[in-house]
PDB file of N, CA and C in Angstrom:
ATOM      1  N   MET A   1      84.579  98.907  89.887  1.00  0.00           N
ATOM      2  CA  MET A   1      85.795  99.152  90.659  1.00  0.00           C
ATOM      3  C   MET A   1      85.512  99.170  92.153  1.00  0.00           C
ATOM      4  N   ALA A   2      84.393  99.759  92.541  1.00  0.00           N
ATOM      5  CA  ALA A   2      84.042  99.811  93.958  1.00  0.00           C
ATOM      6  C   ALA A   2      83.887  98.410  94.526  1.00  0.00           C
ATOM      7  N   ASN A   3      83.308  97.486  93.735  1.00  0.00           N
ATOM      8  CA  ASN A   3      83.175  96.105  94.197  1.00  0.00           C
ATOM      9  C   ASN A   3      84.529  95.461  94.403  1.00  0.00           C
ATOM     10  N   ASP A   4      85.490  95.707  93.501  1.00  0.00           N
ATOM     11  CA  ASP A   4      86.834  95.167  93.653  1.00  0.00           C
ATOM     12  C   ASP A   4      87.462  95.664  94.947  1.00  0.00           C
ATOM     13  N   THR A   5      87.294  96.951  95.242  1.00  0.00           N
ATOM     14  CA  THR A   5      87.852  97.531  96.460  1.00  0.00           C
ATOM     15  C   THR A   5      87.201  96.915  97.683  1.00  0.00           C
ATOM     16  N   MET A   6      85.873  96.780  97.649  1.00  0.00           N
ATOM     17  CA  MET A   6      85.167  96.164  98.775  1.00  0.00           C
ATOM     18  C   MET A   6      85.582  94.706  98.948  1.00  0.00           C
ATOM     19  N   ASP A   7      85.701  93.966  97.843  1.00  0.00           N
ATOM     20  CA  ASP A   7      86.119  92.573  97.932  1.00  0.00           C
ATOM     21  C   ASP A   7      87.545  92.469  98.462  1.00  0.00           C
ATOM     22  N   GLY A   8      88.422  93.377  98.039  1.00  0.00           N
ATOM     23  CA  GLY A   8      89.790  93.382  98.536  1.00  0.00           C
ATOM     24  C   GLY A   8      89.836  93.618 100.033  1.00  0.00           C
ATOM     25  N   ALA A   9      89.039  94.556 100.511  1.00  0.00           N
ATOM     26  CA  ALA A   9      88.981  94.833 101.951  1.00  0.00           C
ATOM     27  C   ALA A   9      88.413  93.635 102.701  1.00  0.00           C
ATOM     28  N   ARG A  10      87.408  92.986 102.144  1.00  0.00           N
ATOM     29  CA  ARG A  10      86.837  91.792 102.783  1.00  0.00           C
ATOM     30  C   ARG A  10      87.852  90.657 102.804  1.00  0.00           C
ATOM     31  N   ALA A  11      88.609  90.494 101.722  1.00  0.00           N
ATOM     32  CA  ALA A  11      89.637  89.451 101.665  1.00  0.00           C
ATOM     33  C   ALA A  11      90.710  89.704 102.722  1.00  0.00           C
ATOM     34  N   GLU A  12      91.132  90.953 102.869  1.00  0.00           N
ATOM     35  CA  GLU A  12      92.146  91.280 103.880  1.00  0.00           C
ATOM     36  C   GLU A  12      91.614  91.053 105.286  1.00  0.00           C
ATOM     37  N   ALA A  13      90.345  91.402 105.528  1.00  0.00           N
ATOM     38  CA  ALA A  13      89.746  91.174 106.848  1.00  0.00           C
ATOM     39  C   ALA A  13      89.651  89.678 107.142  1.00  0.00           C
ATOM     40  N   LEU A  14      89.261  88.885 106.147  1.00  0.00           N
ATOM     41  CA  LEU A  14      89.199  87.436 106.318  1.00  0.00           C
ATOM     42  C   LEU A  14      90.586  86.875 106.622  1.00  0.00           C
ATOM     43  N   ALA A  15      91.586  87.319 105.873  1.00  0.00           N
ATOM     44  CA  ALA A  15      92.960  86.856 106.100  1.00  0.00           C
ATOM     45  C   ALA A  15      93.432  87.230 107.506  1.00  0.00           C
ATOM     46  N   ALA A  16      93.134  88.449 107.946  1.00  0.00           N
ATOM     47  CA  ALA A  16      93.548  88.888 109.289  1.00  0.00           C
ATOM     48  C   ALA A  16      92.903  88.015 110.361  1.00  0.00           C
ATOM     49  N   ARG A  17      91.606  87.730 110.227  1.00  0.00           N
ATOM     50  CA  ARG A  17      90.918  86.864 111.199  1.00  0.00           C
ATOM     51  C   ARG A  17      91.497  85.455 111.180  1.00  0.00           C
ATOM     52  N   PHE A  18      91.744  84.935 109.996  1.00  0.00           N
ATOM     53  CA  PHE A  18      92.306  83.595 109.840  1.00  0.00           C
ATOM     54  C   PHE A  18      93.665  83.495 110.528  1.00  0.00           C
ATOM     55  N   LEU A  19      94.529  84.457 110.262  1.00  0.00           N
ATOM     56  CA  LEU A  19      95.869  84.437 110.848  1.00  0.00           C
ATOM     57  C   LEU A  19      95.817  84.627 112.363  1.00  0.00           C
ATOM     58  N   ALA A  20      94.951  85.523 112.833  1.00  0.00           N
ATOM     59  CA  ALA A  20      94.810  85.749 114.276  1.00  0.00           C
ATOM     60  C   ALA A  20      94.335  84.477 114.977  1.00  0.00           C
ATOM     61  N   ALA A  21      93.453  83.740 114.346  1.00  0.00           N
ATOM     62  CA  ALA A  21      92.953  82.492 114.927  1.00  0.00           C
ATOM     63  C   ALA A  21      94.053  81.433 115.016  1.00  0.00           C
ATOM     64  N   ARG A  22      95.132  81.638 114.273  1.00  0.00           N
ATOM     65  CA  ARG A  22      96.261  80.714 114.284  1.00  0.00           C
ATOM     66  C   ARG A  22      97.443  81.269 115.073  1.00  0.00           C
ATOM     67  N   GLY A  23      97.182  82.282 115.889  1.00  0.00           N
ATOM     68  CA  GLY A  23      98.188  82.774 116.826  1.00  0.00           C
ATOM     69  C   GLY A  23      99.002  83.971 116.383  1.00  0.00           C
ATOM     70  N   LEU A  24      98.808  84.469 115.171  1.00  0.00           N
ATOM     71  CA  LEU A  24      99.535  85.660 114.746  1.00  0.00           C
ATOM     72  C   LEU A  24      98.814  86.894 115.265  1.00  0.00           C
ATOM     73  N   ARG A  25      99.566  87.914 115.559  1.00  0.00           N
ATOM     74  CA  ARG A  25      98.979  89.179 116.016  1.00  0.00           C
ATOM     75  C   ARG A  25      99.151  90.201 114.901  1.00  0.00           C
ATOM     76  N   VAL A  26      98.036  90.756 114.436  1.00  0.00           N
ATOM     77  CA  VAL A  26      98.083  91.757 113.372  1.00  0.00           C
ATOM     78  C   VAL A  26      98.556  93.075 113.981  1.00  0.00           C
ATOM     79  N   LEU A  27      99.666  93.591 113.459  1.00  0.00           N
ATOM     80  CA  LEU A  27     100.245  94.841 113.946  1.00  0.00           C
ATOM     81  C   LEU A  27      99.791  96.038 113.115  1.00  0.00           C
ATOM     82  N   THR A  28      99.746  95.854 111.809  1.00  0.00           N
ATOM     83  CA  THR A  28      99.457  96.957 110.877  1.00  0.00           C
ATOM     84  C   THR A  28      98.727  96.409 109.663  1.00  0.00           C
ATOM     85  N   ARG A  29      97.799  97.207 109.161  1.00  0.00           N
ATOM     86  CA  ARG A  29      97.130  96.888 107.900  1.00  0.00           C
ATOM     87  C   ARG A  29      97.472  97.966 106.890  1.00  0.00           C
ATOM     88  N   ASN A  30      97.683  97.551 105.659  1.00  0.00           N
ATOM     89  CA  ASN A  30      97.949  98.470 104.549  1.00  0.00           C
ATOM     90  C   ASN A  30      99.079  99.448 104.844  1.00  0.00           C
ATOM     91  N   PHE A  31     100.239  98.908 105.158  1.00  0.00           N
ATOM     92  CA  PHE A  31     101.425  99.734 105.364  1.00  0.00           C
ATOM     93  C   PHE A  31     101.920 100.188 103.998  1.00  0.00           C
ATOM     94  N   ARG A  32     101.934 101.515 103.793  1.00  0.00           N
ATOM     95  CA  ARG A  32     102.290 102.068 102.482  1.00  0.00           C
ATOM     96  C   ARG A  32     103.517 102.968 102.576  1.00  0.00           C
ATOM     97  N   VAL A  33     104.353 102.834 101.586  1.00  0.00           N
ATOM     98  CA  VAL A  33     105.468 103.759 101.368  1.00  0.00           C
ATOM     99  C   VAL A  33     105.505 104.030  99.870  1.00  0.00           C
ATOM    100  N   ARG A  34     106.239 105.051  99.499  1.00  0.00           N
ATOM    101  CA  ARG A  34     106.368 105.323  98.059  1.00  0.00           C
ATOM    102  C   ARG A  34     107.002 104.099  97.389  1.00  0.00           C
ATOM    103  N   GLY A  35     106.264 103.524  96.455  1.00  0.00           N
ATOM    104  CA  GLY A  35     106.786 102.391  95.702  1.00  0.00           C
ATOM    105  C   GLY A  35     106.375 101.019  96.206  1.00  0.00           C
ATOM    106  N   GLY A  36     105.639 100.955  97.318  1.00  0.00           N
ATOM    107  CA  GLY A  36     105.249  99.633  97.802  1.00  0.00           C
ATOM    108  C   GLY A  36     104.203  99.669  98.892  1.00  0.00           C
ATOM    109  N   GLU A  37     103.575  98.528  99.099  1.00  0.00           N
ATOM    110  CA  GLU A  37     102.544  98.390 100.135  1.00  0.00           C
ATOM    111  C   GLU A  37     102.553  96.957 100.633  1.00  0.00           C
ATOM    112  N   ILE A  38     102.264  96.805 101.917  1.00  0.00           N
ATOM    113  CA  ILE A  38     102.099  95.488 102.530  1.00  0.00           C
ATOM    114  C   ILE A  38     100.687  95.433 103.092  1.00  0.00           C
ATOM    115  N   ASP A  39      99.953  94.387 102.732  1.00  0.00           N
ATOM    116  CA  ASP A  39      98.560  94.280 103.174  1.00  0.00           C
ATOM    117  C   ASP A  39      98.457  94.124 104.690  1.00  0.00           C
ATOM    118  N   LEU A  40      99.213  93.188 105.250  1.00  0.00           N
ATOM    119  CA  LEU A  40      99.183  92.941 106.689  1.00  0.00           C
ATOM    120  C   LEU A  40     100.611  92.761 107.202  1.00  0.00           C
ATOM    121  N   VAL A  41     100.890  93.355 108.345  1.00  0.00           N
ATOM    122  CA  VAL A  41     102.131  93.081 109.056  1.00  0.00           C
ATOM    123  C   VAL A  41     101.715  92.429 110.369  1.00  0.00           C
ATOM    124  N   CYS A  42     102.243  91.240 110.610  1.00  0.00           N
ATOM    125  CA  CYS A  42     101.852  90.467 111.787  1.00  0.00           C
ATOM    126  C   CYS A  42     103.083  90.100 112.602  1.00  0.00           C
ATOM    127  N   ASP A  43     102.832  89.714 113.839  1.00  0.00           N
ATOM    128  CA  ASP A  43     103.867  89.167 114.710  1.00  0.00           C
ATOM    129  C   ASP A  43     103.530  87.701 114.939  1.00  0.00           C
ATOM    130  N   ASP A  44     104.497  86.834 114.693  1.00  0.00           N
ATOM    131  CA  ASP A  44     104.328  85.397 114.911  1.00  0.00           C
ATOM    132  C   ASP A  44     105.417  84.938 115.869  1.00  0.00           C
ATOM    133  N   GLY A  45     105.169  85.102 117.153  1.00  0.00           N
ATOM    134  CA  GLY A  45     106.138  84.669 118.162  1.00  0.00           C
ATOM    135  C   GLY A  45     107.461  85.408 118.085  1.00  0.00           C
ATOM    136  N   GLY A  46     107.417  86.680 117.755  1.00  0.00           N
ATOM    137  CA  GLY A  46     108.634  87.483 117.666  1.00  0.00           C
ATOM    138  C   GLY A  46     109.165  87.654 116.255  1.00  0.00           C
ATOM    139  N   THR A  47     108.615  86.938 115.305  1.00  0.00           N
ATOM    140  CA  THR A  47     108.992  87.088 113.900  1.00  0.00           C
ATOM    141  C   THR A  47     107.987  88.010 113.221  1.00  0.00           C
ATOM    142  N   LEU A  48     108.482  89.036 112.551  1.00  0.00           N
ATOM    143  CA  LEU A  48     107.598  89.893 111.758  1.00  0.00           C
ATOM    144  C   LEU A  48     107.204  89.153 110.489  1.00  0.00           C
ATOM    145  N   VAL A  49     105.924  89.172 110.195  1.00  0.00           N
ATOM    146  CA  VAL A  49     105.419  88.482 109.014  1.00  0.00           C
ATOM    147  C   VAL A  49     104.754  89.518 108.112  1.00  0.00           C
ATOM    148  N   PHE A  50     105.290  89.668 106.917  1.00  0.00           N
ATOM    149  CA  PHE A  50     104.733  90.566 105.916  1.00  0.00           C
ATOM    150  C   PHE A  50     103.834  89.723 105.019  1.00  0.00           C
ATOM    151  N   VAL A  51     102.547  90.065 104.991  1.00  0.00           N
ATOM    152  CA  VAL A  51     101.556  89.211 104.334  1.00  0.00           C
ATOM    153  C   VAL A  51     100.957  89.921 103.121  1.00  0.00           C
ATOM    154  N   GLU A  52     101.018  89.256 101.996  1.00  0.00           N
ATOM    155  CA  GLU A  52     100.339  89.700 100.785  1.00  0.00           C
ATOM    156  C   GLU A  52      99.058  88.899 100.654  1.00  0.00           C
ATOM    157  N   VAL A  53      97.930  89.580 100.514  1.00  0.00           N
ATOM    158  CA  VAL A  53      96.631  88.933 100.368  1.00  0.00           C
ATOM    159  C   VAL A  53      96.191  89.116  98.922  1.00  0.00           C
ATOM    160  N   ARG A  54      95.860  88.006  98.257  1.00  0.00           N
ATOM    161  CA  ARG A  54      95.456  88.068  96.852  1.00  0.00           C
ATOM    162  C   ARG A  54      94.152  87.311  96.664  1.00  0.00           C
ATOM    163  N   LEU A  55      93.165  87.993  96.103  1.00  0.00           N
ATOM    164  CA  LEU A  55      91.876  87.400  95.774  1.00  0.00           C
ATOM    165  C   LEU A  55      91.757  87.330  94.260  1.00  0.00           C
ATOM    166  N   ARG A  56      91.581  86.136  93.751  1.00  0.00           N
ATOM    167  CA  ARG A  56      91.345  85.927  92.326  1.00  0.00           C
ATOM    168  C   ARG A  56      90.279  84.857  92.216  1.00  0.00           C
ATOM    169  N   ARG A  57      89.089  85.275  91.837  1.00  0.00           N
ATOM    170  CA  ARG A  57      87.965  84.337  91.765  1.00  0.00           C
ATOM    171  C   ARG A  57      88.102  83.367  90.595  1.00  0.00           C
ATOM    172  N   ARG A  58      88.816  83.769  89.573  1.00  0.00           N
ATOM    173  CA  ARG A  58      88.986  82.932  88.394  1.00  0.00           C
ATOM    174  C   ARG A  58      90.427  82.449  88.307  1.00  0.00           C
ATOM    175  N   GLY A  59      90.607  81.296  87.706  1.00  0.00           N
ATOM    176  CA  GLY A  59      91.935  80.725  87.565  1.00  0.00           C
ATOM    177  C   GLY A  59      92.661  81.148  86.306  1.00  0.00           C
ATOM    178  N   ASP A  60      92.042  82.052  85.529  1.00  0.00           N
ATOM    179  CA  ASP A  60      92.702  82.525  84.309  1.00  0.00           C
ATOM    180  C   ASP A  60      94.081  83.078  84.667  1.00  0.00           C
ATOM    181  N   PHE A  61      95.041  82.829  83.820  1.00  0.00           N
ATOM    182  CA  PHE A  61      96.393  83.366  83.995  1.00  0.00           C
ATOM    183  C   PHE A  61      97.042  82.886  85.290  1.00  0.00           C
ATOM    184  N   GLY A  62      96.622  81.740  85.821  1.00  0.00           N
ATOM    185  CA  GLY A  62      97.303  81.156  86.971  1.00  0.00           C
ATOM    186  C   GLY A  62      96.705  81.465  88.322  1.00  0.00           C
ATOM    187  N   GLY A  63      95.674  82.271  88.394  1.00  0.00           N
ATOM    188  CA  GLY A  63      95.024  82.541  89.676  1.00  0.00           C
ATOM    189  C   GLY A  63      95.814  83.463  90.586  1.00  0.00           C
ATOM    190  N   ALA A  64      95.502  83.398  91.873  1.00  0.00           N
ATOM    191  CA  ALA A  64      96.060  84.335  92.857  1.00  0.00           C
ATOM    192  C   ALA A  64      97.579  84.210  92.987  1.00  0.00           C
ATOM    193  N   ALA A  65      98.082  83.001  93.031  1.00  0.00           N
ATOM    194  CA  ALA A  65      99.527  82.816  93.214  1.00  0.00           C
ATOM    195  C   ALA A  65     100.323  83.416  92.066  1.00  0.00           C
ATOM    196  N   ALA A  66      99.851  83.211  90.852  1.00  0.00           N
ATOM    197  CA  ALA A  66     100.574  83.722  89.682  1.00  0.00           C
ATOM    198  C   ALA A  66     100.553  85.241  89.611  1.00  0.00           C
ATOM    199  N   SER A  67      99.617  85.863  90.323  1.00  0.00           N
ATOM    200  CA  SER A  67      99.527  87.323  90.283  1.00  0.00           C
ATOM    201  C   SER A  67     100.586  88.000  91.159  1.00  0.00           C
ATOM    202  N   ILE A  68     101.333  87.213  91.920  1.00  0.00           N
ATOM    203  CA  ILE A  68     102.400  87.776  92.751  1.00  0.00           C
ATOM    204  C   ILE A  68     103.699  87.654  91.950  1.00  0.00           C
ATOM    205  N   THR A  69     103.861  88.602  91.071  1.00  0.00           N
ATOM    206  CA  THR A  69     104.983  88.596  90.129  1.00  0.00           C
ATOM    207  C   THR A  69     106.278  89.042  90.806  1.00  0.00           C
ATOM    208  N   ALA A  70     107.378  88.938  90.080  1.00  0.00           N
ATOM    209  CA  ALA A  70     108.666  89.412  90.601  1.00  0.00           C
ATOM    210  C   ALA A  70     108.589  90.902  90.914  1.00  0.00           C
ATOM    211  N   ALA A  71     107.912  91.676  90.065  1.00  0.00           N
ATOM    212  CA  ALA A  71     107.772  93.116  90.328  1.00  0.00           C
ATOM    213  C   ALA A  71     106.993  93.356  91.618  1.00  0.00           C
ATOM    214  N   LYS A  72     105.933  92.572  91.846  1.00  0.00           N
ATOM    215  CA  LYS A  72     105.149  92.705  93.073  1.00  0.00           C
ATOM    216  C   LYS A  72     106.011  92.335  94.283  1.00  0.00           C
ATOM    217  N   ARG A  73     106.787  91.273  94.182  1.00  0.00           N
ATOM    218  CA  ARG A  73     107.677  90.869  95.294  1.00  0.00           C
ATOM    219  C   ARG A  73     108.697  91.964  95.590  1.00  0.00           C
ATOM    220  N   ARG A  74     109.209  92.632  94.555  1.00  0.00           N
ATOM    221  CA  ARG A  74     110.154  93.740  94.776  1.00  0.00           C
ATOM    222  C   ARG A  74     109.482  94.886  95.532  1.00  0.00           C
ATOM    223  N   ARG A  75     108.223  95.205  95.177  1.00  0.00           N
ATOM    224  CA  ARG A  75     107.504  96.279  95.885  1.00  0.00           C
ATOM    225  C   ARG A  75     107.230  95.897  97.340  1.00  0.00           C
ATOM    226  N   LEU A  76     106.893  94.630  97.576  1.00  0.00           N
ATOM    227  CA  LEU A  76     106.694  94.160  98.952  1.00  0.00           C
ATOM    228  C   LEU A  76     107.992  94.253  99.752  1.00  0.00           C
ATOM    229  N   THR A  77     109.081  93.829  99.139  1.00  0.00           N
ATOM    230  CA  THR A  77     110.379  93.869  99.804  1.00  0.00           C
ATOM    231  C   THR A  77     110.789  95.302 100.112  1.00  0.00           C
ATOM    232  N   LEU A  78     110.546  96.216  99.187  1.00  0.00           N
ATOM    233  CA  LEU A  78     110.856  97.627  99.419  1.00  0.00           C
ATOM    234  C   LEU A  78     110.095  98.149 100.636  1.00  0.00           C
ATOM    235  N   ALA A  79     108.797  97.880 100.690  1.00  0.00           N
ATOM    236  CA  ALA A  79     107.991  98.328 101.826  1.00  0.00           C
ATOM    237  C   ALA A  79     108.464  97.665 103.123  1.00  0.00           C
ATOM    238  N   ALA A  80     108.809  96.386 103.052  1.00  0.00           N
ATOM    239  CA  ALA A  80     109.293  95.679 104.243  1.00  0.00           C
ATOM    240  C   ALA A  80     110.590  96.297 104.757  1.00  0.00           C
ATOM    241  N   ARG A  81     111.483  96.680 103.864  1.00  0.00           N
ATOM    242  CA  ARG A  81     112.744  97.321 104.295  1.00  0.00           C
ATOM    243  C   ARG A  81     112.462  98.626 105.032  1.00  0.00           C
ATOM    244  N   HIS A  82     111.476  99.384 104.558  1.00  0.00           N
ATOM    245  CA  HIS A  82     111.087 100.611 105.259  1.00  0.00           C
ATOM    246  C   HIS A  82     110.533 100.287 106.641  1.00  0.00           C
ATOM    247  N   TYR A  83     109.688  99.273 106.720  1.00  0.00           N
ATOM    248  CA  TYR A  83     109.116  98.881 108.013  1.00  0.00           C
ATOM    249  C   TYR A  83     110.220  98.416 108.961  1.00  0.00           C
ATOM    250  N   LEU A  84     111.160  97.638 108.436  1.00  0.00           N
ATOM    251  CA  LEU A  84     112.247  97.096 109.262  1.00  0.00           C
ATOM    252  C   LEU A  84     113.236  98.166 109.718  1.00  0.00           C
ATOM    253  N   ALA A  85     113.232  99.319 109.082  1.00  0.00           N
ATOM    254  CA  ALA A  85     114.124 100.402 109.510  1.00  0.00           C
ATOM    255  C   ALA A  85     113.823 100.790 110.954  1.00  0.00           C
ATOM    256  N   ARG A  86     112.569 100.583 111.381  1.00  0.00           N
ATOM    257  CA  ARG A  86     112.182 100.870 112.765  1.00  0.00           C
ATOM    258  C   ARG A  86     112.578  99.742 113.718  1.00  0.00           C
ATOM    259  N   ARG A  87     112.791  98.546 113.159  1.00  0.00           N
ATOM    260  CA  ARG A  87     113.103  97.363 113.960  1.00  0.00           C
ATOM    261  C   ARG A  87     114.147  96.524 113.233  1.00  0.00           C
ATOM    262  N   PRO A  88     115.345  97.045 113.039  1.00  0.00           N
ATOM    263  CA  PRO A  88     116.332  96.360 112.202  1.00  0.00           C
ATOM    264  C   PRO A  88     116.771  95.001 112.726  1.00  0.00           C
ATOM    265  N   GLU A  89     116.591  94.744 114.003  1.00  0.00           N
ATOM    266  CA  GLU A  89     117.026  93.473 114.577  1.00  0.00           C
ATOM    267  C   GLU A  89     115.990  92.366 114.432  1.00  0.00           C
ATOM    268  N   ALA A  90     114.810  92.685 113.948  1.00  0.00           N
ATOM    269  CA  ALA A  90     113.708  91.729 113.902  1.00  0.00           C
ATOM    270  C   ALA A  90     113.907  90.678 112.816  1.00  0.00           C
ATOM    271  N   ALA A  91     113.611  89.428 113.171  1.00  0.00           N
ATOM    272  CA  ALA A  91     113.537  88.365 112.171  1.00  0.00           C
ATOM    273  C   ALA A  91     112.239  88.568 111.388  1.00  0.00           C
ATOM    274  N   CYS A  92     112.238  88.186 110.122  1.00  0.00           N
ATOM    275  CA  CYS A  92     111.018  88.385 109.334  1.00  0.00           C
ATOM    276  C   CYS A  92     110.879  87.309 108.278  1.00  0.00           C
ATOM    277  N   ARG A  93     109.657  87.232 107.746  1.00  0.00           N
ATOM    278  CA  ARG A  93     109.384  86.343 106.610  1.00  0.00           C
ATOM    279  C   ARG A  93     108.236  86.949 105.807  1.00  0.00           C
ATOM    280  N   PHE A  94     108.060  86.425 104.597  1.00  0.00           N
ATOM    281  CA  PHE A  94     106.987  86.859 103.711  1.00  0.00           C
ATOM    282  C   PHE A  94     106.010  85.703 103.520  1.00  0.00           C
ATOM    283  N   ASP A  95     104.754  85.927 103.889  1.00  0.00           N
ATOM    284  CA  ASP A  95     103.696  84.948 103.691  1.00  0.00           C
ATOM    285  C   ASP A  95     102.716  85.482 102.656  1.00  0.00           C
ATOM    286  N   CYS A  96     101.955  84.581 102.064  1.00  0.00           N
ATOM    287  CA  CYS A  96     100.878  84.963 101.160  1.00  0.00           C
ATOM    288  C   CYS A  96      99.606  84.264 101.597  1.00  0.00           C
ATOM    289  N   VAL A  97      98.506  84.977 101.541  1.00  0.00           N
ATOM    290  CA  VAL A  97      97.189  84.391 101.730  1.00  0.00           C
ATOM    291  C   VAL A  97      96.485  84.522 100.396  1.00  0.00           C
ATOM    292  N   LEU A  98      96.172  83.372  99.804  1.00  0.00           N
ATOM    293  CA  LEU A  98      95.578  83.317  98.474  1.00  0.00           C
ATOM    294  C   LEU A  98      94.123  82.907  98.607  1.00  0.00           C
ATOM    295  N   LEU A  99      93.243  83.638  97.951  1.00  0.00           N
ATOM    296  CA  LEU A  99      91.813  83.352  98.033  1.00  0.00           C
ATOM    297  C   LEU A  99      91.222  83.205  96.640  1.00  0.00           C
ATOM    298  N   SER A 100      90.357  82.196  96.493  1.00  0.00           N
ATOM    299  CA  SER A 100      89.613  82.029  95.250  1.00  0.00           C
ATOM    300  C   SER A 100      88.162  82.467  95.437  1.00  0.00           C
ATOM    301  N   GLY A 101      87.825  82.881  96.650  1.00  0.00           N
ATOM    302  CA  GLY A 101      86.499  83.376  97.010  1.00  0.00           C
ATOM    303  C   GLY A 101      86.611  84.026  98.380  1.00  0.00           C
ATOM    304  N   LEU A 102      85.482  84.373  98.957  1.00  0.00           N
ATOM    305  CA  LEU A 102      85.509  85.098 100.229  1.00  0.00           C
ATOM    306  C   LEU A 102      85.068  84.247 101.418  1.00  0.00           C
ATOM    307  N   GLY A 103      85.343  82.956 101.352  1.00  0.00           N
ATOM    308  CA  GLY A 103      85.077  82.061 102.469  1.00  0.00           C
ATOM    309  C   GLY A 103      86.376  81.437 102.947  1.00  0.00           C
ATOM    310  N   GLU A 104      86.408  81.011 104.207  1.00  0.00           N
ATOM    311  CA  GLU A 104      87.633  80.417 104.745  1.00  0.00           C
ATOM    312  C   GLU A 104      88.038  79.171 103.966  1.00  0.00           C
ATOM    313  N   ALA A 105      87.061  78.446 103.417  1.00  0.00           N
ATOM    314  CA  ALA A 105      87.366  77.259 102.618  1.00  0.00           C
ATOM    315  C   ALA A 105      88.074  77.619 101.306  1.00  0.00           C
ATOM    316  N   ASP A 106      87.997  78.888 100.910  1.00  0.00           N
ATOM    317  CA  ASP A 106      88.623  79.368  99.671  1.00  0.00           C
ATOM    318  C   ASP A 106      90.039  79.886  99.899  1.00  0.00           C
ATOM    319  N   LEU A 107      90.551  79.728 101.110  1.00  0.00           N
ATOM    320  CA  LEU A 107      91.795  80.372 101.512  1.00  0.00           C
ATOM    321  C   LEU A 107      92.947  79.362 101.579  1.00  0.00           C
ATOM    322  N   VAL A 108      94.099  79.776 101.073  1.00  0.00           N
ATOM    323  CA  VAL A 108      95.342  79.005 101.192  1.00  0.00           C
ATOM    324  C   VAL A 108      96.381  79.930 101.800  1.00  0.00           C
ATOM    325  N   TRP A 109      97.030  79.477 102.871  1.00  0.00           N
ATOM    326  CA  TRP A 109      98.076  80.258 103.548  1.00  0.00           C
ATOM    327  C   TRP A 109      99.421  79.656 103.181  1.00  0.00           C
ATOM    328  N   LEU A 110     100.247  80.442 102.527  1.00  0.00           N
ATOM    329  CA  LEU A 110     101.605  80.030 102.177  1.00  0.00           C
ATOM    330  C   LEU A 110     102.577  80.703 103.136  1.00  0.00           C
ATOM    331  N   ARG A 111     103.063  79.942 104.103  1.00  0.00           N
ATOM    332  CA  ARG A 111     104.042  80.469 105.053  1.00  0.00           C
ATOM    333  C   ARG A 111     105.403  80.508 104.356  1.00  0.00           C
ATOM    334  N   ASP A 112     106.139  81.582 104.618  1.00  0.00           N
ATOM    335  CA  ASP A 112     107.476  81.716 104.057  1.00  0.00           C
ATOM    336  C   ASP A 112     107.441  81.516 102.536  1.00  0.00           C
ATOM    337  N   ALA A 113     106.525  82.227 101.887  1.00  0.00           N
ATOM    338  CA  ALA A 113     106.255  82.049 100.460  1.00  0.00           C
ATOM    339  C   ALA A 113     107.432  82.424  99.574  1.00  0.00           C
ATOM    340  N   PHE A 114     108.186  83.419  99.993  1.00  0.00           N
ATOM    341  CA  PHE A 114     109.377  83.806  99.225  1.00  0.00           C
ATOM    342  C   PHE A 114     110.317  84.549 100.147  1.00  0.00           C
ATOM    343  N   ALA A 115     111.570  84.651  99.740  1.00  0.00           N
ATOM    344  CA  ALA A 115     112.585  85.373 100.498  1.00  0.00           C
ATOM    345  C   ALA A 115     112.839  86.719  99.831  1.00  0.00           C
ATOM    346  N   ALA A 116     113.299  87.687 100.594  1.00  0.00           N
ATOM    347  CA  ALA A 116     113.589  89.008 100.041  1.00  0.00           C
ATOM    348  C   ALA A 116     114.590  88.897  98.893  1.00  0.00           C
ATOM    349  N   ASP A 117     115.483  87.934  98.982  1.00  0.00           N
ATOM    350  CA  ASP A 117     116.475  87.748  97.927  1.00  0.00           C
ATOM    351  C   ASP A 117     115.860  87.275  96.620  1.00  0.00           C
ATOM    352  N   ASP A 118     114.646  86.677  96.700  1.00  0.00           N
ATOM    353  CA  ASP A 118     113.962  86.184  95.498  1.00  0.00           C
ATOM    354  C   ASP A 118     113.311  87.307  94.712  1.00  0.00           C
ATOM    355  N   ALA A 119     113.161  88.468  95.357  1.00  0.00           N
ATOM    356  CA  ALA A 119     112.385  89.562  94.754  1.00  0.00           C
ATOM    357  C   ALA A 119     113.064  90.215  93.607  1.00  0.00           C
TER     358      ALA A 119
END
């Protein structure tokens, strides 16, 4: 379990560096509320970006993308609504960073991966 936690933290750090190198500014990491969590909250030219980071080394059961279920999207949306309560006028989107390993070559960035209405 400790390795999973360490790998998760490394995946989030890699995703944060990757996104920052592409012009996004990381505002918050691991924003938690009762019932939900957002791995990274970023600013992309005035748009708030709620980022889910998923590391799945194996492709069993569909890999990282398939692990972002409707229930997971609902929890992300719930946390995002709490975050937006502080900035209700802000435009926002949901991105996903999917990793099959802990190298940049293992990373896929899905911009605007889903809408809050899809959750």
